[in-house]
Amino acid sequence: MPGKIGYRTFTFAALALLLTSTTFAGEWKSLFDGKTLNGWTQKNGTAKYEVVDGTIRGTTNEGSPNSFLCSNELFGDFELEFEVKVHDKLNSGVQIRSKTKQPKGGAKYGRVYGPQVEIEASGPNGAEAGYIYGEATGRGWLTPKDKLIPHKYFKDGQWNKYRVVAKGNHIQTWINGHQIADLTDDEIYKTHPKGFIGLQVHGIPRGQGPYDVAWRNIRIRTLD
């Protein structure tokens, strides 16, 4: 039966190609190739993003509003890991499941908004690194005030490893192996069930900076 053999051979070949070109749920995927900013788009401010020594470095531009380097791919339920090092005087963050509001006044991309995992040096009194903020949502901190406890798990001037798990209305974060946030929020999940990952360089007033923040080993896997 030459016809059937040929069909089966083609089917198996097509299946093999599919298996080698598809990322399945649970598989880790790198979001940064260590060499280029392929797969990312800058939105909002004028901070400078560049690849330096295998990292994504963001540098402030005085007078600029918040800047975001955003993944072109959108994610819903996922586990995200990355390492970050930030200047002691710079506040930063990583957007998750975020979107852009409709542009106004000729803006090219609109305003980035959604949940943000805080990046901030501990300083002498600790800080809110790892808690969840509602960037441009009008809600301020999504982490409840009674859970917003300053800590010193973030190591100033060093690389810090973050882990973020977003599953349905539940968002959890860890810094250097220590759990920080454990947020259940139906409201933010209703408006932001899926969106991009965004690397923030916070705006600074004129006459300050430049300050920088760097990320490396950014990887993600989807959750069923």
N, C-alpha and C. Protein backbone atom coordinates (compact mmCIF):
# COMPACT_ATOMS: atom_id res chain seq x y z
N MET A 1 0.84 -1.20 0.00
CA MET A 1 0.00 0.00 0.00
C MET A 1 0.88 1.26 0.00
N PRO A 2 1.54 1.58 -1.10
CA PRO A 2 2.46 2.71 -1.15
C PRO A 2 1.80 4.03 -0.75
N GLY A 3 0.53 4.20 -1.13
CA GLY A 3 -0.13 5.47 -0.81
C GLY A 3 -0.23 5.69 0.68
N LYS A 4 -0.62 4.67 1.44
CA LYS A 4 -0.78 4.81 2.88
C LYS A 4 0.56 5.00 3.56
N ILE A 5 1.57 4.27 3.08
CA ILE A 5 2.90 4.42 3.69
C ILE A 5 3.41 5.84 3.51
N GLY A 6 3.22 6.40 2.31
CA GLY A 6 3.65 7.76 2.06
C GLY A 6 2.92 8.75 2.95
N TYR A 7 1.61 8.55 3.15
CA TYR A 7 0.81 9.44 3.99
C TYR A 7 1.29 9.39 5.43
N ARG A 8 1.55 8.15 5.93
CA ARG A 8 2.00 8.01 7.31
C ARG A 8 3.37 8.63 7.49
N THR A 9 4.24 8.44 6.50
CA THR A 9 5.58 9.03 6.58
C THR A 9 5.48 10.54 6.67
N PHE A 10 4.61 11.14 5.86
CA PHE A 10 4.43 12.59 5.87
C PHE A 10 3.87 13.03 7.21
N THR A 11 2.90 12.28 7.74
CA THR A 11 2.28 12.64 9.01
C THR A 11 3.29 12.63 10.13
N PHE A 12 4.11 11.58 10.19
CA PHE A 12 5.11 11.50 11.25
C PHE A 12 6.15 12.61 11.12
N ALA A 13 6.51 12.95 9.89
CA ALA A 13 7.48 14.02 9.66
C ALA A 13 6.92 15.37 10.12
N ALA A 14 5.63 15.59 9.79
CA ALA A 14 5.00 16.84 10.20
C ALA A 14 4.89 16.93 11.71
N LEU A 15 4.58 15.79 12.36
CA LEU A 15 4.47 15.76 13.82
C LEU A 15 5.83 16.03 14.46
N ALA A 16 6.87 15.44 13.89
CA ALA A 16 8.22 15.66 14.44
C ALA A 16 8.60 17.12 14.33
N LEU A 17 8.26 17.77 13.22
CA LEU A 17 8.55 19.19 13.05
C LEU A 17 7.79 20.02 14.08
N LEU A 18 6.53 19.67 14.32
CA LEU A 18 5.72 20.38 15.30
C LEU A 18 6.31 20.26 16.70
N LEU A 19 6.75 19.06 17.03
CA LEU A 19 7.30 18.82 18.36
C LEU A 19 8.58 19.60 18.60
N THR A 20 9.37 19.78 17.56
CA THR A 20 10.65 20.48 17.74
C THR A 20 10.51 21.99 17.68
N SER A 21 9.36 22.51 17.25
CA SER A 21 9.20 23.95 17.08
C SER A 21 8.19 24.56 18.05
N THR A 22 7.63 23.75 18.96
CA THR A 22 6.59 24.21 19.87
C THR A 22 7.08 24.22 21.30
N THR A 23 6.76 25.30 22.05
CA THR A 23 7.04 25.34 23.47
C THR A 23 5.79 24.90 24.22
N PHE A 24 5.89 23.85 25.00
CA PHE A 24 4.74 23.31 25.69
C PHE A 24 4.63 23.88 27.09
N ALA A 25 3.43 23.79 27.66
CA ALA A 25 3.21 24.23 29.03
C ALA A 25 4.19 23.53 29.95
N GLY A 26 4.81 24.29 30.83
CA GLY A 26 5.75 23.72 31.78
C GLY A 26 7.19 23.81 31.35
N GLU A 27 7.45 24.11 30.07
CA GLU A 27 8.82 24.24 29.59
C GLU A 27 9.33 25.66 29.84
N TRP A 28 10.55 25.78 30.34
CA TRP A 28 11.15 27.10 30.52
C TRP A 28 11.52 27.70 29.17
N LYS A 29 11.26 29.00 29.03
CA LYS A 29 11.58 29.72 27.81
C LYS A 29 12.33 30.99 28.19
N SER A 30 13.47 31.24 27.58
CA SER A 30 14.23 32.45 27.83
C SER A 30 13.57 33.63 27.12
N LEU A 31 13.43 34.75 27.82
CA LEU A 31 12.86 35.96 27.22
C LEU A 31 13.95 36.92 26.74
N PHE A 32 15.20 36.58 27.01
CA PHE A 32 16.33 37.44 26.63
C PHE A 32 17.46 36.56 26.14
N ASP A 33 17.92 36.82 24.92
CA ASP A 33 18.96 35.96 24.33
C ASP A 33 20.38 36.33 24.75
N GLY A 34 20.50 37.38 25.57
CA GLY A 34 21.81 37.79 26.06
C GLY A 34 22.60 38.66 25.10
N LYS A 35 22.05 38.89 23.89
CA LYS A 35 22.79 39.63 22.87
C LYS A 35 22.00 40.78 22.26
N THR A 36 20.68 40.62 22.15
CA THR A 36 19.85 41.62 21.48
C THR A 36 18.59 41.89 22.31
N LEU A 37 17.83 42.89 21.89
CA LEU A 37 16.53 43.17 22.50
C LEU A 37 15.40 42.65 21.63
N ASN A 38 15.70 41.63 20.82
CA ASN A 38 14.66 41.00 20.01
C ASN A 38 13.55 40.47 20.91
N GLY A 39 12.31 40.71 20.51
CA GLY A 39 11.18 40.23 21.30
C GLY A 39 10.67 41.25 22.31
N TRP A 40 11.29 42.44 22.31
CA TRP A 40 10.91 43.49 23.26
C TRP A 40 10.63 44.79 22.52
N THR A 41 9.73 45.61 23.08
CA THR A 41 9.42 46.93 22.53
C THR A 41 9.37 47.94 23.65
N GLN A 42 10.04 49.09 23.47
CA GLN A 42 10.00 50.13 24.50
C GLN A 42 8.73 50.95 24.38
N LYS A 43 8.13 51.25 25.53
CA LYS A 43 6.90 52.04 25.56
C LYS A 43 7.02 53.14 26.62
N ASN A 44 6.35 54.23 26.36
CA ASN A 44 6.25 55.40 27.24
C ASN A 44 7.51 56.24 27.26
N GLY A 45 8.32 56.20 28.30
CA GLY A 45 9.40 57.16 28.50
C GLY A 45 10.59 57.01 27.58
N THR A 46 11.63 57.81 27.89
CA THR A 46 12.81 57.90 27.03
C THR A 46 14.07 57.37 27.71
N ALA A 47 13.92 56.54 28.73
CA ALA A 47 15.09 55.89 29.32
C ALA A 47 15.79 55.06 28.23
N LYS A 48 17.07 54.80 28.44
CA LYS A 48 17.85 54.06 27.44
C LYS A 48 17.95 52.60 27.86
N TYR A 49 17.56 51.69 26.96
CA TYR A 49 17.71 50.25 27.17
C TYR A 49 18.76 49.73 26.20
N GLU A 50 19.70 48.95 26.69
CA GLU A 50 20.75 48.41 25.84
C GLU A 50 21.24 47.08 26.44
N VAL A 51 21.90 46.31 25.61
CA VAL A 51 22.50 45.06 26.06
C VAL A 51 23.95 45.33 26.42
N VAL A 52 24.31 45.04 27.68
CA VAL A 52 25.66 45.27 28.17
C VAL A 52 26.14 44.03 28.92
N ASP A 53 27.17 43.39 28.42
CA ASP A 53 27.77 42.23 29.08
C ASP A 53 26.74 41.17 29.44
N GLY A 54 25.86 40.87 28.49
CA GLY A 54 24.88 39.80 28.69
C GLY A 54 23.71 40.17 29.58
N THR A 55 23.53 41.48 29.83
CA THR A 55 22.40 41.94 30.63
C THR A 55 21.59 42.97 29.83
N ILE A 56 20.34 43.18 30.23
CA ILE A 56 19.57 44.32 29.74
C ILE A 56 19.75 45.44 30.75
N ARG A 57 20.37 46.53 30.31
CA ARG A 57 20.59 47.65 31.22
C ARG A 57 19.67 48.80 30.82
N GLY A 58 18.95 49.32 31.81
CA GLY A 58 18.11 50.49 31.61
C GLY A 58 18.70 51.66 32.38
N THR A 59 18.85 52.80 31.70
CA THR A 59 19.46 53.98 32.32
C THR A 59 18.49 55.15 32.24
N THR A 60 18.34 55.87 33.35
CA THR A 60 17.39 56.97 33.42
C THR A 60 17.77 58.10 32.48
N ASN A 61 16.73 58.84 32.09
CA ASN A 61 16.90 60.07 31.32
C ASN A 61 16.13 61.14 32.08
N GLU A 62 16.85 62.11 32.63
CA GLU A 62 16.21 63.07 33.53
C GLU A 62 15.05 63.79 32.85
N GLY A 63 13.95 63.92 33.60
CA GLY A 63 12.75 64.55 33.08
C GLY A 63 11.82 63.60 32.35
N SER A 64 12.25 62.36 32.12
CA SER A 64 11.41 61.38 31.42
C SER A 64 10.39 60.78 32.38
N PRO A 65 9.19 60.47 31.91
CA PRO A 65 8.27 59.68 32.72
C PRO A 65 8.76 58.24 32.81
N ASN A 66 8.02 57.40 33.50
CA ASN A 66 8.38 55.99 33.61
C ASN A 66 8.51 55.38 32.21
N SER A 67 9.55 54.57 32.05
CA SER A 67 9.79 53.87 30.79
C SER A 67 9.62 52.37 31.01
N PHE A 68 9.24 51.66 29.95
CA PHE A 68 9.01 50.22 30.04
C PHE A 68 9.52 49.53 28.79
N LEU A 69 10.32 48.50 28.98
CA LEU A 69 10.71 47.62 27.88
C LEU A 69 9.81 46.39 27.99
N CYS A 70 8.92 46.21 27.01
CA CYS A 70 7.82 45.24 27.15
C CYS A 70 7.97 44.06 26.20
N SER A 71 7.68 42.88 26.70
CA SER A 71 7.73 41.69 25.86
C SER A 71 6.64 41.77 24.80
N ASN A 72 6.97 41.36 23.59
CA ASN A 72 5.97 41.33 22.53
C ASN A 72 4.96 40.21 22.76
N GLU A 73 5.38 39.19 23.47
CA GLU A 73 4.51 38.05 23.76
C GLU A 73 3.71 38.32 25.03
N LEU A 74 2.47 37.84 25.05
CA LEU A 74 1.59 38.02 26.21
C LEU A 74 1.51 36.72 27.01
N PHE A 75 1.33 36.86 28.31
CA PHE A 75 1.31 35.71 29.21
C PHE A 75 0.15 35.82 30.20
N GLY A 76 -0.46 34.67 30.50
CA GLY A 76 -1.56 34.60 31.47
C GLY A 76 -1.10 34.00 32.78
N ASP A 77 -1.23 32.67 32.90
CA ASP A 77 -0.73 31.97 34.09
C ASP A 77 0.70 31.51 33.82
N PHE A 78 1.61 31.84 34.73
CA PHE A 78 3.02 31.57 34.45
C PHE A 78 3.85 31.57 35.73
N GLU A 79 5.07 31.07 35.58
CA GLU A 79 6.12 31.22 36.57
C GLU A 79 7.26 31.96 35.89
N LEU A 80 7.70 33.05 36.50
CA LEU A 80 8.73 33.91 35.93
C LEU A 80 9.91 33.99 36.89
N GLU A 81 11.11 33.91 36.34
CA GLU A 81 12.32 34.10 37.14
C GLU A 81 13.23 35.10 36.44
N PHE A 82 13.90 35.92 37.23
CA PHE A 82 14.90 36.84 36.68
C PHE A 82 15.83 37.28 37.80
N GLU A 83 16.96 37.83 37.40
CA GLU A 83 17.89 38.44 38.35
C GLU A 83 17.99 39.92 38.03
N VAL A 84 18.13 40.73 39.08
CA VAL A 84 18.13 42.17 38.89
C VAL A 84 19.11 42.83 39.85
N LYS A 85 19.73 43.90 39.38
CA LYS A 85 20.60 44.74 40.22
C LYS A 85 20.25 46.18 39.93
N VAL A 86 20.01 46.99 40.97
CA VAL A 86 19.53 48.35 40.78
C VAL A 86 20.35 49.34 41.60
N HIS A 87 20.50 50.54 41.06
CA HIS A 87 21.15 51.63 41.79
C HIS A 87 20.37 51.92 43.07
N ASP A 88 21.07 52.19 44.15
CA ASP A 88 20.42 52.38 45.45
C ASP A 88 19.40 53.52 45.45
N LYS A 89 19.55 54.49 44.53
CA LYS A 89 18.64 55.64 44.51
C LYS A 89 17.53 55.51 43.48
N LEU A 90 17.45 54.37 42.82
CA LEU A 90 16.44 54.19 41.77
C LEU A 90 15.38 53.18 42.17
N ASN A 91 14.14 53.56 42.03
CA ASN A 91 13.01 52.66 42.18
C ASN A 91 12.70 52.06 40.82
N SER A 92 12.39 50.76 40.78
CA SER A 92 12.11 50.09 39.51
C SER A 92 11.04 49.03 39.73
N GLY A 93 10.83 48.18 38.73
CA GLY A 93 9.84 47.13 38.87
C GLY A 93 9.74 46.31 37.60
N VAL A 94 9.00 45.21 37.69
CA VAL A 94 8.69 44.38 36.52
C VAL A 94 7.18 44.25 36.41
N GLN A 95 6.66 44.72 35.30
CA GLN A 95 5.23 44.59 35.03
C GLN A 95 4.89 43.14 34.68
N ILE A 96 3.75 42.67 35.14
CA ILE A 96 3.24 41.37 34.73
C ILE A 96 1.79 41.54 34.27
N ARG A 97 1.39 40.73 33.29
CA ARG A 97 0.02 40.76 32.76
C ARG A 97 -0.43 42.19 32.44
N SER A 98 0.47 43.01 31.95
CA SER A 98 0.16 44.42 31.77
C SER A 98 -0.32 44.74 30.35
N LYS A 99 -0.90 45.93 30.21
CA LYS A 99 -1.48 46.38 28.95
C LYS A 99 -1.13 47.85 28.74
N THR A 100 -1.58 48.41 27.63
CA THR A 100 -1.49 49.85 27.42
C THR A 100 -2.89 50.42 27.23
N LYS A 101 -3.13 51.56 27.88
CA LYS A 101 -4.38 52.28 27.67
C LYS A 101 -4.33 52.94 26.30
N GLN A 102 -5.50 53.27 25.76
CA GLN A 102 -5.54 53.91 24.45
C GLN A 102 -4.74 55.19 24.46
N PRO A 103 -3.90 55.41 23.45
CA PRO A 103 -3.04 56.61 23.44
C PRO A 103 -3.86 57.89 23.34
N LYS A 104 -3.34 58.92 24.02
CA LYS A 104 -3.98 60.24 23.99
C LYS A 104 -2.94 61.28 23.62
N GLY A 105 -3.38 62.33 22.99
CA GLY A 105 -2.50 63.45 22.68
C GLY A 105 -1.35 63.08 21.75
N GLY A 106 -1.56 62.09 20.90
CA GLY A 106 -0.53 61.74 19.94
C GLY A 106 0.51 60.78 20.46
N ALA A 107 0.33 60.28 21.69
CA ALA A 107 1.29 59.32 22.23
C ALA A 107 1.32 58.09 21.34
N LYS A 108 2.50 57.50 21.19
CA LYS A 108 2.66 56.40 20.26
C LYS A 108 2.07 55.10 20.79
N TYR A 109 2.26 54.83 22.08
CA TYR A 109 1.87 53.53 22.60
C TYR A 109 0.78 53.57 23.67
N GLY A 110 0.38 54.74 24.13
CA GLY A 110 -0.55 54.77 25.25
C GLY A 110 0.21 54.56 26.55
N ARG A 111 -0.52 54.45 27.66
CA ARG A 111 0.07 54.37 28.99
C ARG A 111 0.09 52.92 29.47
N VAL A 112 1.28 52.42 29.85
CA VAL A 112 1.39 51.08 30.41
C VAL A 112 0.69 51.05 31.77
N TYR A 113 -0.11 50.01 32.00
CA TYR A 113 -0.77 49.88 33.30
C TYR A 113 -1.00 48.41 33.63
N GLY A 114 -0.99 48.11 34.93
CA GLY A 114 -1.20 46.74 35.38
C GLY A 114 -0.37 46.42 36.60
N PRO A 115 -0.36 45.16 37.03
CA PRO A 115 0.39 44.75 38.22
C PRO A 115 1.89 44.90 38.00
N GLN A 116 2.57 45.37 39.04
CA GLN A 116 4.02 45.53 38.98
C GLN A 116 4.66 44.92 40.22
N VAL A 117 5.70 44.13 40.01
CA VAL A 117 6.48 43.57 41.11
C VAL A 117 7.59 44.57 41.43
N GLU A 118 7.59 45.08 42.64
CA GLU A 118 8.48 46.18 43.03
C GLU A 118 9.94 45.76 43.11
N ILE A 119 10.82 46.64 42.62
CA ILE A 119 12.27 46.50 42.75
C ILE A 119 12.77 47.76 43.45
N GLU A 120 13.42 47.58 44.60
CA GLU A 120 13.84 48.72 45.39
C GLU A 120 14.92 48.30 46.38
N ALA A 121 15.97 49.10 46.49
CA ALA A 121 17.02 48.81 47.45
C ALA A 121 16.48 48.84 48.87
N SER A 122 17.04 48.01 49.73
CA SER A 122 16.54 47.91 51.10
C SER A 122 16.87 49.14 51.93
N GLY A 123 18.09 49.68 51.76
CA GLY A 123 18.48 50.81 52.59
C GLY A 123 18.59 50.40 54.06
N PRO A 124 18.77 51.36 54.95
CA PRO A 124 18.95 51.03 56.37
C PRO A 124 17.68 50.53 57.06
N ASN A 125 16.52 50.88 56.51
CA ASN A 125 15.26 50.55 57.19
C ASN A 125 14.42 49.51 56.45
N GLY A 126 14.98 48.88 55.43
CA GLY A 126 14.20 47.93 54.65
C GLY A 126 13.34 48.65 53.62
N ALA A 127 12.70 47.88 52.74
CA ALA A 127 11.87 48.48 51.69
C ALA A 127 10.79 47.50 51.26
N GLU A 128 10.04 47.91 50.22
CA GLU A 128 8.87 47.11 49.78
C GLU A 128 9.18 46.26 48.55
N ALA A 129 10.44 45.94 48.29
CA ALA A 129 10.78 45.11 47.14
C ALA A 129 9.99 43.80 47.16
N GLY A 130 9.46 43.43 46.01
CA GLY A 130 8.74 42.16 45.88
C GLY A 130 7.25 42.26 46.08
N TYR A 131 6.75 43.34 46.66
CA TYR A 131 5.31 43.50 46.81
C TYR A 131 4.70 43.94 45.47
N ILE A 132 3.37 43.92 45.38
CA ILE A 132 2.67 44.15 44.12
C ILE A 132 2.02 45.54 44.11
N TYR A 133 2.40 46.32 43.13
CA TYR A 133 1.87 47.68 42.96
C TYR A 133 0.99 47.72 41.72
N GLY A 134 -0.01 48.56 41.73
CA GLY A 134 -0.89 48.70 40.57
C GLY A 134 -0.48 49.90 39.73
N GLU A 135 0.47 49.71 38.83
CA GLU A 135 0.98 50.80 37.99
C GLU A 135 -0.14 51.42 37.16
N ALA A 136 -0.40 52.72 37.39
CA ALA A 136 -1.39 53.50 36.62
C ALA A 136 -2.79 52.88 36.65
N THR A 137 -3.09 52.12 37.69
CA THR A 137 -4.43 51.53 37.83
C THR A 137 -5.37 52.37 38.69
N GLY A 138 -4.81 53.36 39.37
CA GLY A 138 -5.62 54.17 40.28
C GLY A 138 -5.80 53.55 41.65
N ARG A 139 -5.17 52.40 41.88
CA ARG A 139 -5.34 51.70 43.15
C ARG A 139 -4.12 51.79 44.06
N GLY A 140 -3.00 52.26 43.53
CA GLY A 140 -1.79 52.27 44.35
C GLY A 140 -1.32 50.85 44.61
N TRP A 141 -0.91 50.57 45.84
CA TRP A 141 -0.47 49.21 46.18
C TRP A 141 -1.62 48.23 46.10
N LEU A 142 -1.39 47.10 45.41
CA LEU A 142 -2.36 46.01 45.41
C LEU A 142 -2.16 45.13 46.65
N THR A 143 -0.92 45.02 47.09
CA THR A 143 -0.65 44.33 48.36
C THR A 143 -1.32 45.13 49.47
N PRO A 144 -2.16 44.49 50.31
CA PRO A 144 -2.85 45.21 51.39
C PRO A 144 -1.86 45.88 52.35
N LYS A 145 -2.28 47.00 52.92
CA LYS A 145 -1.39 47.79 53.79
C LYS A 145 -0.86 46.98 54.96
N ASP A 146 -1.68 46.08 55.51
CA ASP A 146 -1.22 45.32 56.67
C ASP A 146 -0.21 44.24 56.30
N LYS A 147 -0.06 44.00 54.98
CA LYS A 147 0.93 43.02 54.50
C LYS A 147 2.17 43.71 53.92
N LEU A 148 2.12 45.03 53.81
CA LEU A 148 3.19 45.80 53.18
C LEU A 148 4.26 46.12 54.22
N ILE A 149 5.00 45.10 54.59
CA ILE A 149 5.96 45.20 55.69
C ILE A 149 7.38 45.33 55.10
N PRO A 150 8.08 46.44 55.37
CA PRO A 150 9.45 46.59 54.85
C PRO A 150 10.35 45.45 55.32
N HIS A 151 11.27 45.04 54.45
CA HIS A 151 12.17 43.93 54.77
C HIS A 151 13.52 44.20 54.14
N LYS A 152 14.50 43.33 54.44
CA LYS A 152 15.86 43.50 53.93
C LYS A 152 16.33 42.26 53.17
N TYR A 153 15.40 41.55 52.53
CA TYR A 153 15.80 40.38 51.74
C TYR A 153 16.45 40.79 50.42
N PHE A 154 16.20 42.02 49.97
CA PHE A 154 16.85 42.53 48.77
C PHE A 154 18.25 43.00 49.14
N LYS A 155 19.26 42.50 48.44
CA LYS A 155 20.66 42.82 48.74
C LYS A 155 21.10 44.02 47.91
N ASP A 156 21.33 45.13 48.57
CA ASP A 156 21.70 46.36 47.87
C ASP A 156 23.02 46.22 47.14
N GLY A 157 23.07 46.72 45.89
CA GLY A 157 24.29 46.71 45.11
C GLY A 157 24.69 45.35 44.59
N GLN A 158 23.83 44.34 44.73
CA GLN A 158 24.15 42.99 44.29
C GLN A 158 23.03 42.47 43.37
N TRP A 159 23.32 41.32 42.74
CA TRP A 159 22.29 40.65 41.96
C TRP A 159 21.31 39.96 42.90
N ASN A 160 20.02 40.12 42.60
CA ASN A 160 18.96 39.52 43.40
C ASN A 160 18.08 38.66 42.50
N LYS A 161 17.75 37.47 42.96
CA LYS A 161 16.92 36.57 42.17
C LYS A 161 15.46 36.66 42.60
N TYR A 162 14.62 36.96 41.62
CA TYR A 162 13.18 37.04 41.83
C TYR A 162 12.49 35.80 41.23
N ARG A 163 11.44 35.38 41.87
CA ARG A 163 10.54 34.36 41.33
C ARG A 163 9.12 34.86 41.49
N VAL A 164 8.34 34.78 40.42
CA VAL A 164 6.95 35.26 40.43
C VAL A 164 6.06 34.15 39.88
N VAL A 165 5.02 33.81 40.61
CA VAL A 165 4.04 32.83 40.15
C VAL A 165 2.68 33.50 40.09
N ALA A 166 2.10 33.54 38.89
CA ALA A 166 0.77 34.11 38.69
C ALA A 166 -0.15 33.01 38.19
N LYS A 167 -1.15 32.68 38.98
CA LYS A 167 -2.09 31.61 38.65
C LYS A 167 -3.49 32.08 38.98
N GLY A 168 -4.28 32.36 37.96
CA GLY A 168 -5.61 32.90 38.20
C GLY A 168 -5.52 34.22 38.95
N ASN A 169 -6.28 34.35 40.03
CA ASN A 169 -6.29 35.59 40.80
C ASN A 169 -5.22 35.64 41.88
N HIS A 170 -4.31 34.68 41.85
CA HIS A 170 -3.30 34.51 42.90
C HIS A 170 -1.92 34.85 42.36
N ILE A 171 -1.23 35.80 43.00
CA ILE A 171 0.13 36.19 42.61
C ILE A 171 1.04 36.04 43.82
N GLN A 172 2.14 35.31 43.64
CA GLN A 172 3.12 35.11 44.71
C GLN A 172 4.49 35.53 44.21
N THR A 173 5.31 36.06 45.12
CA THR A 173 6.66 36.46 44.76
C THR A 173 7.66 36.00 45.81
N TRP A 174 8.90 35.80 45.35
CA TRP A 174 10.02 35.46 46.22
C TRP A 174 11.22 36.29 45.80
N ILE A 175 12.05 36.67 46.78
CA ILE A 175 13.33 37.31 46.51
C ILE A 175 14.41 36.52 47.22
N ASN A 176 15.38 36.05 46.46
CA ASN A 176 16.49 35.27 47.02
C ASN A 176 16.00 34.13 47.91
N GLY A 177 14.90 33.50 47.46
CA GLY A 177 14.36 32.34 48.16
C GLY A 177 13.40 32.65 49.28
N HIS A 178 13.19 33.92 49.60
CA HIS A 178 12.28 34.31 50.69
C HIS A 178 10.95 34.77 50.09
N GLN A 179 9.86 34.19 50.54
CA GLN A 179 8.56 34.61 50.01
C GLN A 179 8.22 36.00 50.52
N ILE A 180 7.76 36.86 49.60
CA ILE A 180 7.43 38.24 49.94
C ILE A 180 5.92 38.48 49.84
N ALA A 181 5.37 38.34 48.65
CA ALA A 181 3.95 38.63 48.42
C ALA A 181 3.16 37.35 48.24
N ASP A 182 1.94 37.37 48.75
CA ASP A 182 0.98 36.27 48.56
C ASP A 182 -0.39 36.93 48.39
N LEU A 183 -0.66 37.38 47.17
CA LEU A 183 -1.80 38.23 46.89
C LEU A 183 -2.91 37.49 46.16
N THR A 184 -4.12 37.59 46.66
CA THR A 184 -5.30 37.11 45.94
C THR A 184 -6.16 38.34 45.64
N ASP A 185 -6.38 38.62 44.36
CA ASP A 185 -7.06 39.85 43.97
C ASP A 185 -7.96 39.59 42.77
N ASP A 186 -9.25 39.45 43.02
CA ASP A 186 -10.21 39.19 41.94
C ASP A 186 -10.32 40.36 40.98
N GLU A 187 -10.22 41.58 41.52
CA GLU A 187 -10.42 42.78 40.70
C GLU A 187 -9.33 42.92 39.64
N ILE A 188 -8.07 42.77 40.05
CA ILE A 188 -6.99 42.94 39.09
C ILE A 188 -6.96 41.78 38.10
N TYR A 189 -7.39 40.59 38.52
CA TYR A 189 -7.42 39.46 37.60
C TYR A 189 -8.52 39.65 36.56
N LYS A 190 -9.60 40.28 36.96
CA LYS A 190 -10.70 40.51 36.03
C LYS A 190 -10.27 41.44 34.90
N THR A 191 -9.48 42.47 35.23
CA THR A 191 -9.05 43.43 34.22
C THR A 191 -7.74 43.03 33.54
N HIS A 192 -6.91 42.20 34.23
CA HIS A 192 -5.60 41.84 33.70
C HIS A 192 -5.33 40.34 33.84
N PRO A 193 -6.11 39.51 33.13
CA PRO A 193 -5.86 38.07 33.18
C PRO A 193 -4.65 37.66 32.35
N LYS A 194 -4.25 38.55 31.44
CA LYS A 194 -3.15 38.24 30.52
C LYS A 194 -2.54 39.55 30.04
N GLY A 195 -1.24 39.52 29.77
CA GLY A 195 -0.60 40.73 29.27
C GLY A 195 0.90 40.53 29.11
N PHE A 196 1.61 41.64 28.88
CA PHE A 196 3.05 41.53 28.65
C PHE A 196 3.84 41.63 29.94
N ILE A 197 5.11 41.25 29.85
CA ILE A 197 6.10 41.47 30.90
C ILE A 197 6.81 42.78 30.56
N GLY A 198 7.00 43.66 31.54
CA GLY A 198 7.62 44.95 31.27
C GLY A 198 8.71 45.29 32.27
N LEU A 199 9.86 45.71 31.77
CA LEU A 199 10.99 46.09 32.63
C LEU A 199 10.98 47.60 32.79
N GLN A 200 10.74 48.05 34.02
CA GLN A 200 10.56 49.48 34.24
C GLN A 200 11.85 50.20 34.63
N VAL A 201 12.05 51.38 34.03
CA VAL A 201 13.01 52.36 34.53
C VAL A 201 12.18 53.54 35.01
N HIS A 202 12.20 53.79 36.30
CA HIS A 202 11.34 54.82 36.87
C HIS A 202 11.80 56.21 36.44
N GLY A 203 10.86 57.10 36.24
CA GLY A 203 11.19 58.47 35.93
C GLY A 203 11.86 59.17 37.10
N ILE A 204 12.72 60.13 36.80
CA ILE A 204 13.39 60.91 37.84
C ILE A 204 13.29 62.39 37.49
N PRO A 205 13.33 63.26 38.49
CA PRO A 205 13.28 64.71 38.22
C PRO A 205 14.55 65.19 37.51
N ARG A 206 14.46 66.34 36.91
CA ARG A 206 15.62 66.95 36.28
C ARG A 206 16.66 67.28 37.34
N GLY A 207 17.94 67.13 36.96
CA GLY A 207 19.01 67.43 37.89
C GLY A 207 19.44 66.23 38.71
N GLN A 208 18.82 65.05 38.49
CA GLN A 208 19.21 63.85 39.20
C GLN A 208 19.72 62.78 38.22
N GLY A 209 20.42 61.79 38.78
CA GLY A 209 20.91 60.69 37.97
C GLY A 209 22.16 61.05 37.19
N PRO A 210 22.56 60.22 36.21
CA PRO A 210 21.80 59.03 35.77
C PRO A 210 21.96 57.85 36.72
N TYR A 211 20.89 57.06 36.81
CA TYR A 211 20.87 55.83 37.59
C TYR A 211 20.55 54.68 36.65
N ASP A 212 20.94 53.47 37.03
CA ASP A 212 20.65 52.36 36.13
C ASP A 212 20.15 51.14 36.90
N VAL A 213 19.54 50.25 36.13
CA VAL A 213 19.04 48.97 36.63
C VAL A 213 19.32 47.94 35.55
N ALA A 214 19.70 46.73 35.95
CA ALA A 214 20.05 45.69 34.97
C ALA A 214 19.35 44.39 35.30
N TRP A 215 18.98 43.66 34.25
CA TRP A 215 18.33 42.35 34.40
C TRP A 215 19.12 41.31 33.63
N ARG A 216 19.06 40.08 34.08
CA ARG A 216 19.66 38.96 33.36
C ARG A 216 18.91 37.68 33.71
N ASN A 217 19.18 36.63 32.94
CA ASN A 217 18.58 35.30 33.18
C ASN A 217 17.06 35.40 33.34
N ILE A 218 16.43 36.06 32.38
CA ILE A 218 14.97 36.21 32.41
C ILE A 218 14.34 35.02 31.70
N ARG A 219 13.57 34.24 32.43
CA ARG A 219 12.94 33.08 31.81
C ARG A 219 11.54 32.88 32.38
N ILE A 220 10.69 32.19 31.61
CA ILE A 220 9.29 32.04 31.98
C ILE A 220 8.79 30.68 31.53
N ARG A 221 7.81 30.15 32.24
CA ARG A 221 7.11 28.95 31.78
C ARG A 221 5.64 29.11 32.08
N THR A 222 4.81 28.65 31.16
CA THR A 222 3.37 28.75 31.33
C THR A 222 2.88 27.67 32.27
N LEU A 223 1.77 27.95 32.93
CA LEU A 223 1.16 27.01 33.86
C LEU A 223 -0.20 26.59 33.35
N ASP A 224 -0.55 25.33 33.51
CA ASP A 224 -1.86 24.84 33.07
C ASP A 224 -2.95 25.35 33.99
